[in-house]
Amino acid sequence: MSMFSRFAIAFAAVASITTAAPVFAQNVDLVARVPFEFTLGNSTLPRDTYQLSHLDAHPEMLLVRSERKGVFVRTEEAGRQRDNASPFLLFHRYGDQYFLREVRTDGNTRLDLPETKAERAAAERRADRGAALLEKVVIFAERP
């Protein structure tokens, strides 16, 4: 292989990495220690400390990751609040199953996560047994 060919291949590799990097760039918005296993989208995440980040190029996408596992999920901004509340994660609990449903990144921004088929099924199972349907669990988060 000639020196020119090696240079061209190296240049193409560097160029492809640099153009792809901004798509995945993100800043960590919150860090939260979740003391239980929970469901997010179609994934079950173990109890761990999680970093929550928005993708720069796609602000509706949220990356929730720990050192062991991570999941992308689409969020919907639910509007601006005016209460300057501390950042938190809101889970819906049905029996021993937890589902992440809301993220408050700061006092003004609330992100809603969609209800999944698994959550609807958990709610229906609880209703069939005559048990209390829903308990809301809040885990406070902090900025990195």
C-alpha atoms as a PDB file:
ATOM      1  CA  MET A   1       0.000   0.000   0.000  1.00  0.00           C
ATOM      2  CA  SER A   2       1.415   3.364  -0.993  1.00  0.00           C
ATOM      3  CA  MET A   3       1.990   6.232   1.392  1.00  0.00           C
ATOM      4  CA  PHE A   4      -0.746   8.234  -0.339  1.00  0.00           C
ATOM      5  CA  SER A   5      -3.296   5.419   0.147  1.00  0.00           C
ATOM      6  CA  ARG A   6      -2.449   5.158   3.846  1.00  0.00           C
ATOM      7  CA  PHE A   7      -2.801   8.908   4.239  1.00  0.00           C
ATOM      8  CA  ALA A   8      -6.151   8.921   2.415  1.00  0.00           C
ATOM      9  CA  ILE A   9      -7.520   6.097   4.590  1.00  0.00           C
ATOM     10  CA  ALA A  10      -6.309   7.782   7.792  1.00  0.00           C
ATOM     11  CA  PHE A  11      -7.811  11.103   6.711  1.00  0.00           C
ATOM     12  CA  ALA A  12     -11.158   9.467   5.892  1.00  0.00           C
ATOM     13  CA  ALA A  13     -11.233   7.707   9.266  1.00  0.00           C
ATOM     14  CA  VAL A  14     -10.500  10.922  11.189  1.00  0.00           C
ATOM     15  CA  ALA A  15     -13.051  12.863   9.142  1.00  0.00           C
ATOM     16  CA  SER A  16     -15.800  10.305   9.775  1.00  0.00           C
ATOM     17  CA  ILE A  17     -15.111  10.276  13.526  1.00  0.00           C
ATOM     18  CA  THR A  18     -15.129  14.077  13.783  1.00  0.00           C
ATOM     19  CA  THR A  19     -18.393  14.473  11.896  1.00  0.00           C
ATOM     20  CA  ALA A  20     -20.141  11.751  13.924  1.00  0.00           C
ATOM     21  CA  ALA A  21     -18.956  12.993  17.322  1.00  0.00           C
ATOM     22  CA  PRO A  22     -21.267  16.055  17.596  1.00  0.00           C
ATOM     23  CA  VAL A  23     -24.352  13.889  17.087  1.00  0.00           C
ATOM     24  CA  PHE A  24     -23.596  11.973  20.291  1.00  0.00           C
ATOM     25  CA  ALA A  25     -22.241  14.846  22.352  1.00  0.00           C
ATOM     26  CA  GLN A  26     -24.108  15.361  25.566  1.00  0.00           C
ATOM     27  CA  ASN A  27     -23.754  16.985  28.934  1.00  0.00           C
ATOM     28  CA  VAL A  28     -24.728  15.184  32.096  1.00  0.00           C
ATOM     29  CA  ASP A  29     -27.808  16.992  33.403  1.00  0.00           C
ATOM     30  CA  LEU A  30     -28.420  14.966  36.574  1.00  0.00           C
ATOM     31  CA  VAL A  31     -27.012  12.184  38.706  1.00  0.00           C
ATOM     32  CA  ALA A  32     -29.359  10.034  40.798  1.00  0.00           C
ATOM     33  CA  ARG A  33     -28.885   6.948  42.944  1.00  0.00           C
ATOM     34  CA  VAL A  34     -31.825   4.607  42.356  1.00  0.00           C
ATOM     35  CA  PRO A  35     -32.098   1.993  45.129  1.00  0.00           C
ATOM     36  CA  PHE A  36     -34.351  -0.420  43.215  1.00  0.00           C
ATOM     37  CA  GLU A  37     -34.654  -2.142  39.839  1.00  0.00           C
ATOM     38  CA  PHE A  38     -36.885  -0.235  37.419  1.00  0.00           C
ATOM     39  CA  THR A  39     -38.291  -0.338  33.919  1.00  0.00           C
ATOM     40  CA  LEU A  40     -37.539   2.299  31.314  1.00  0.00           C
ATOM     41  CA  GLY A  41     -39.008   1.773  27.869  1.00  0.00           C
ATOM     42  CA  ASN A  42     -38.526  -1.918  27.074  1.00  0.00           C
ATOM     43  CA  SER A  43     -35.513  -2.314  29.380  1.00  0.00           C
ATOM     44  CA  THR A  44     -35.135  -3.263  33.011  1.00  0.00           C
ATOM     45  CA  LEU A  45     -32.345  -1.372  34.758  1.00  0.00           C
ATOM     46  CA  PRO A  46     -30.670  -2.533  37.971  1.00  0.00           C
ATOM     47  CA  ARG A  47     -30.377  -0.441  41.117  1.00  0.00           C
ATOM     48  CA  ASP A  48     -27.374   1.791  40.586  1.00  0.00           C
ATOM     49  CA  THR A  49     -26.243   5.395  40.234  1.00  0.00           C
ATOM     50  CA  TYR A  50     -27.436   6.873  36.946  1.00  0.00           C
ATOM     51  CA  GLN A  51     -26.405   9.842  34.843  1.00  0.00           C
ATOM     52  CA  LEU A  52     -29.178  11.480  32.835  1.00  0.00           C
ATOM     53  CA  SER A  53     -28.161  13.396  29.715  1.00  0.00           C
ATOM     54  CA  HIS A  54     -29.827  15.048  26.736  1.00  0.00           C
ATOM     55  CA  LEU A  55     -28.335  14.606  23.289  1.00  0.00           C
ATOM     56  CA  ASP A  56     -27.258  17.955  21.871  1.00  0.00           C
ATOM     57  CA  ALA A  57     -28.627  17.197  18.408  1.00  0.00           C
ATOM     58  CA  HIS A  58     -31.872  15.639  19.712  1.00  0.00           C
ATOM     59  CA  PRO A  59     -33.059  17.354  22.912  1.00  0.00           C
ATOM     60  CA  GLU A  60     -36.156  15.135  23.055  1.00  0.00           C
ATOM     61  CA  MET A  61     -33.919  12.086  23.589  1.00  0.00           C
ATOM     62  CA  LEU A  62     -32.713  11.288  27.089  1.00  0.00           C
ATOM     63  CA  LEU A  63     -29.831   8.926  27.860  1.00  0.00           C
ATOM     64  CA  VAL A  64     -30.127   7.207  31.232  1.00  0.00           C
ATOM     65  CA  ARG A  65     -26.954   5.267  31.986  1.00  0.00           C
ATOM     66  CA  SER A  66     -24.899   3.711  34.722  1.00  0.00           C
ATOM     67  CA  GLU A  67     -21.563   1.955  34.499  1.00  0.00           C
ATOM     68  CA  ARG A  68     -23.399  -1.300  33.750  1.00  0.00           C
ATOM     69  CA  LYS A  69     -26.264  -0.354  31.442  1.00  0.00           C
ATOM     70  CA  GLY A  70     -27.812   2.530  29.532  1.00  0.00           C
ATOM     71  CA  VAL A  71     -31.027   3.285  27.674  1.00  0.00           C
ATOM     72  CA  PHE A  72     -32.182   6.003  25.291  1.00  0.00           C
ATOM     73  CA  VAL A  73     -35.766   7.140  25.716  1.00  0.00           C
ATOM     74  CA  ARG A  74     -37.893   9.772  24.012  1.00  0.00           C
ATOM     75  CA  THR A  75     -39.303  12.392  26.356  1.00  0.00           C
ATOM     76  CA  GLU A  76     -41.908  15.079  26.029  1.00  0.00           C
ATOM     77  CA  GLU A  77     -41.434  18.438  27.690  1.00  0.00           C
ATOM     78  CA  ALA A  78     -44.523  18.903  29.792  1.00  0.00           C
ATOM     79  CA  GLY A  79     -44.172  22.630  30.140  1.00  0.00           C
ATOM     80  CA  ARG A  80     -42.499  25.078  32.386  1.00  0.00           C
ATOM     81  CA  GLN A  81     -43.183  25.031  36.097  1.00  0.00           C
ATOM     82  CA  ARG A  82     -42.507  28.019  38.321  1.00  0.00           C
ATOM     83  CA  ASP A  83     -41.743  26.362  41.621  1.00  0.00           C
ATOM     84  CA  ASN A  84     -37.907  26.067  41.609  1.00  0.00           C
ATOM     85  CA  ALA A  85     -38.147  22.498  42.937  1.00  0.00           C
ATOM     86  CA  SER A  86     -35.051  20.355  43.353  1.00  0.00           C
ATOM     87  CA  PRO A  87     -34.278  17.948  40.507  1.00  0.00           C
ATOM     88  CA  PHE A  88     -35.918  14.549  40.881  1.00  0.00           C
ATOM     89  CA  LEU A  89     -37.042  11.356  39.171  1.00  0.00           C
ATOM     90  CA  LEU A  90     -40.644  10.242  39.616  1.00  0.00           C
ATOM     91  CA  PHE A  91     -41.440   6.528  39.447  1.00  0.00           C
ATOM     92  CA  HIS A  92     -44.808   4.798  39.319  1.00  0.00           C
ATOM     93  CA  ARG A  93     -44.836   1.742  41.556  1.00  0.00           C
ATOM     94  CA  TYR A  94     -47.155  -1.238  41.175  1.00  0.00           C
ATOM     95  CA  GLY A  95     -46.343  -3.848  43.818  1.00  0.00           C
ATOM     96  CA  ASP A  96     -42.605  -4.428  43.468  1.00  0.00           C
ATOM     97  CA  GLN A  97     -42.328  -3.018  39.919  1.00  0.00           C
ATOM     98  CA  TYR A  98     -41.104   0.545  39.312  1.00  0.00           C
ATOM     99  CA  PHE A  99     -41.477   2.556  36.086  1.00  0.00           C
ATOM    100  CA  LEU A 100     -39.657   5.845  35.445  1.00  0.00           C
ATOM    101  CA  ARG A 101     -42.313   8.339  34.283  1.00  0.00           C
ATOM    102  CA  GLU A 102     -41.066  11.878  34.935  1.00  0.00           C
ATOM    103  CA  VAL A 103     -37.766  13.730  35.232  1.00  0.00           C
ATOM    104  CA  ARG A 104     -37.519  17.229  36.683  1.00  0.00           C
ATOM    105  CA  THR A 105     -34.154  18.564  35.551  1.00  0.00           C
ATOM    106  CA  ASP A 106     -34.411  21.872  37.356  1.00  0.00           C
ATOM    107  CA  GLY A 107     -37.065  24.034  38.918  1.00  0.00           C
ATOM    108  CA  ASN A 108     -38.558  24.884  35.548  1.00  0.00           C
ATOM    109  CA  THR A 109     -38.312  21.871  33.233  1.00  0.00           C
ATOM    110  CA  ARG A 110     -40.428  18.739  33.528  1.00  0.00           C
ATOM    111  CA  LEU A 111     -39.957  15.837  31.126  1.00  0.00           C
ATOM    112  CA  ASP A 112     -42.613  13.150  30.835  1.00  0.00           C
ATOM    113  CA  LEU A 113     -41.807   9.624  29.733  1.00  0.00           C
ATOM    114  CA  PRO A 114     -44.440   7.528  27.964  1.00  0.00           C
ATOM    115  CA  GLU A 115     -46.464   4.825  29.659  1.00  0.00           C
ATOM    116  CA  THR A 116     -45.353   1.411  28.393  1.00  0.00           C
ATOM    117  CA  LYS A 117     -47.284  -1.798  27.752  1.00  0.00           C
ATOM    118  CA  ALA A 118     -45.467  -3.344  30.725  1.00  0.00           C
ATOM    119  CA  GLU A 119     -46.731  -0.587  33.033  1.00  0.00           C
ATOM    120  CA  ARG A 120     -50.301  -0.942  31.778  1.00  0.00           C
ATOM    121  CA  ALA A 121     -50.088  -4.706  32.361  1.00  0.00           C
ATOM    122  CA  ALA A 122     -48.730  -4.184  35.900  1.00  0.00           C
ATOM    123  CA  ALA A 123     -51.590  -1.781  36.675  1.00  0.00           C
ATOM    124  CA  GLU A 124     -54.156  -4.259  35.348  1.00  0.00           C
ATOM    125  CA  ARG A 125     -52.703  -7.109  37.438  1.00  0.00           C
ATOM    126  CA  ARG A 126     -52.929  -4.958  40.559  1.00  0.00           C
ATOM    127  CA  ALA A 127     -56.516  -3.973  39.759  1.00  0.00           C
ATOM    128  CA  ASP A 128     -57.492  -7.632  39.259  1.00  0.00           C
ATOM    129  CA  ARG A 129     -56.247  -8.419  42.778  1.00  0.00           C
ATOM    130  CA  GLY A 130     -58.102  -5.463  44.287  1.00  0.00           C
ATOM    131  CA  ALA A 131     -54.802  -3.931  45.413  1.00  0.00           C
ATOM    132  CA  ALA A 132     -53.987  -0.240  45.438  1.00  0.00           C
ATOM    133  CA  LEU A 133     -53.216   0.706  41.866  1.00  0.00           C
ATOM    134  CA  LEU A 134     -50.449   3.238  41.964  1.00  0.00           C
ATOM    135  CA  GLU A 135     -47.893   4.639  44.346  1.00  0.00           C
ATOM    136  CA  LYS A 136     -45.617   7.490  43.295  1.00  0.00           C
ATOM    137  CA  VAL A 137     -41.991   7.316  44.403  1.00  0.00           C
ATOM    138  CA  VAL A 138     -39.638  10.314  44.186  1.00  0.00           C
ATOM    139  CA  ILE A 139     -35.848   9.990  44.052  1.00  0.00           C
ATOM    140  CA  PHE A 140     -34.030  13.304  44.390  1.00  0.00           C
ATOM    141  CA  ALA A 141     -31.187  13.955  41.983  1.00  0.00           C
ATOM    142  CA  GLU A 142     -28.236  16.324  41.928  1.00  0.00           C
ATOM    143  CA  ARG A 143     -26.275  18.194  39.346  1.00  0.00           C
ATOM    144  CA  PRO A 144     -22.825  16.791  38.612  1.00  0.00           C
END
